[in-house]
C-alpha atoms as a PDB file:
ATOM      1  CA  UNK A   1     -19.928 111.280  54.353  1.00  0.00           C
ATOM      2  CA  UNK A   2     -16.093 110.182  54.641  1.00  0.00           C
ATOM      3  CA  UNK A   3     -15.004 107.545  52.000  1.00  0.00           C
ATOM      4  CA  UNK A   4     -11.091 105.839  53.040  1.00  0.00           C
ATOM      5  CA  UNK A   5      -9.194 104.279  50.540  1.00  0.00           C
ATOM      6  CA  UNK A   6      -6.317 102.214  51.355  1.00  0.00           C
ATOM      7  CA  UNK A   7      -4.198 104.619  49.305  1.00  0.00           C
ATOM      8  CA  UNK A   8      -4.468 107.915  47.614  1.00  0.00           C
ATOM      9  CA  UNK A   9      -3.228 106.474  44.534  1.00  0.00           C
ATOM     10  CA  UNK A  10      -6.659 104.282  44.603  1.00  0.00           C
ATOM     11  CA  UNK A  11      -8.782 106.975  45.228  1.00  0.00           C
ATOM     12  CA  UNK A  12      -7.868 108.960  42.360  1.00  0.00           C
ATOM     13  CA  UNK A  13      -8.223 105.725  40.155  1.00  0.00           C
ATOM     14  CA  UNK A  14     -12.039 105.995  41.622  1.00  0.00           C
ATOM     15  CA  UNK A  15     -12.007 109.287  41.231  1.00  0.00           C
ATOM     16  CA  UNK A  16     -11.617 109.442  37.637  1.00  0.00           C
ATOM     17  CA  UNK A  17     -13.170 106.209  36.371  1.00  0.00           C
ATOM     18  CA  UNK A  18     -15.053 107.394  33.262  1.00  0.00           C
ATOM     19  CA  UNK A  19     -17.874 104.299  34.069  1.00  0.00           C
ATOM     20  CA  UNK A  20     -18.908 106.301  37.279  1.00  0.00           C
ATOM     21  CA  UNK A  21     -19.595 109.256  36.341  1.00  0.00           C
ATOM     22  CA  UNK A  22     -22.526 109.112  34.594  1.00  0.00           C
ATOM     23  CA  UNK A  23     -24.327 107.429  37.316  1.00  0.00           C
ATOM     24  CA  UNK A  24     -23.166 109.940  39.504  1.00  0.00           C
ATOM     25  CA  UNK A  25     -24.841 112.607  37.589  1.00  0.00           C
ATOM     26  CA  UNK A  26     -28.010 112.484  38.750  1.00  0.00           C
ATOM     27  CA  UNK A  27     -26.657 112.408  42.617  1.00  0.00           C
ATOM     28  CA  UNK A  28     -24.542 115.122  41.825  1.00  0.00           C
ATOM     29  CA  UNK A  29     -27.450 117.390  40.736  1.00  0.00           C
ATOM     30  CA  UNK A  30     -29.166 116.311  43.662  1.00  0.00           C
ATOM     31  CA  UNK A  31     -26.514 117.409  46.471  1.00  0.00           C
ATOM     32  CA  UNK A  32     -26.144 121.051  44.197  1.00  0.00           C
ATOM     33  CA  UNK A  33     -29.974 121.874  44.940  1.00  0.00           C
ATOM     34  CA  UNK A  34     -29.856 120.540  48.618  1.00  0.00           C
ATOM     35  CA  UNK A  35     -26.187 122.080  49.689  1.00  0.00           C
ATOM     36  CA  UNK A  36     -24.611 125.145  48.466  1.00  0.00           C
ATOM     37  CA  UNK A  37     -22.952 123.380  45.548  1.00  0.00           C
ATOM     38  CA  UNK A  38     -21.516 120.163  43.947  1.00  0.00           C
ATOM     39  CA  UNK A  39     -19.435 117.697  45.971  1.00  0.00           C
ATOM     40  CA  UNK A  40     -15.765 118.519  46.832  1.00  0.00           C
ATOM     41  CA  UNK A  41     -12.863 116.001  46.830  1.00  0.00           C
ATOM     42  CA  UNK A  42     -10.809 116.888  50.031  1.00  0.00           C
ATOM     43  CA  UNK A  43      -7.351 115.139  51.067  1.00  0.00           C
ATOM     44  CA  UNK A  44      -7.294 114.026  54.788  1.00  0.00           C
ATOM     45  CA  UNK A  45      -4.737 112.422  56.368  1.00  0.00           C
ATOM     46  CA  UNK A  46      -5.985 109.907  58.612  1.00  0.00           C
ATOM     47  CA  UNK A  47      -4.381 110.039  62.176  1.00  0.00           C
ATOM     48  CA  UNK A  48      -6.825 107.486  63.773  1.00  0.00           C
ATOM     49  CA  UNK A  49      -8.990 104.855  62.909  1.00  0.00           C
ATOM     50  CA  UNK A  50     -11.818 102.651  65.172  1.00  0.00           C
ATOM     51  CA  UNK A  51     -15.122 100.541  64.554  1.00  0.00           C
ATOM     52  CA  UNK A  52     -17.968 100.592  66.636  1.00  0.00           C
END
């Protein structure tokens, strides 16, 4: 899954929002069981964008 933000600043703000952390604990635990570990955040540069 890719989530794209208008800016890195917005992404970092959402990533560190303490209000989201508690709600994400169950989802992260489930992902750790399904995948090889917790989700990782990776910075990518969008080079093209299109919608279907």
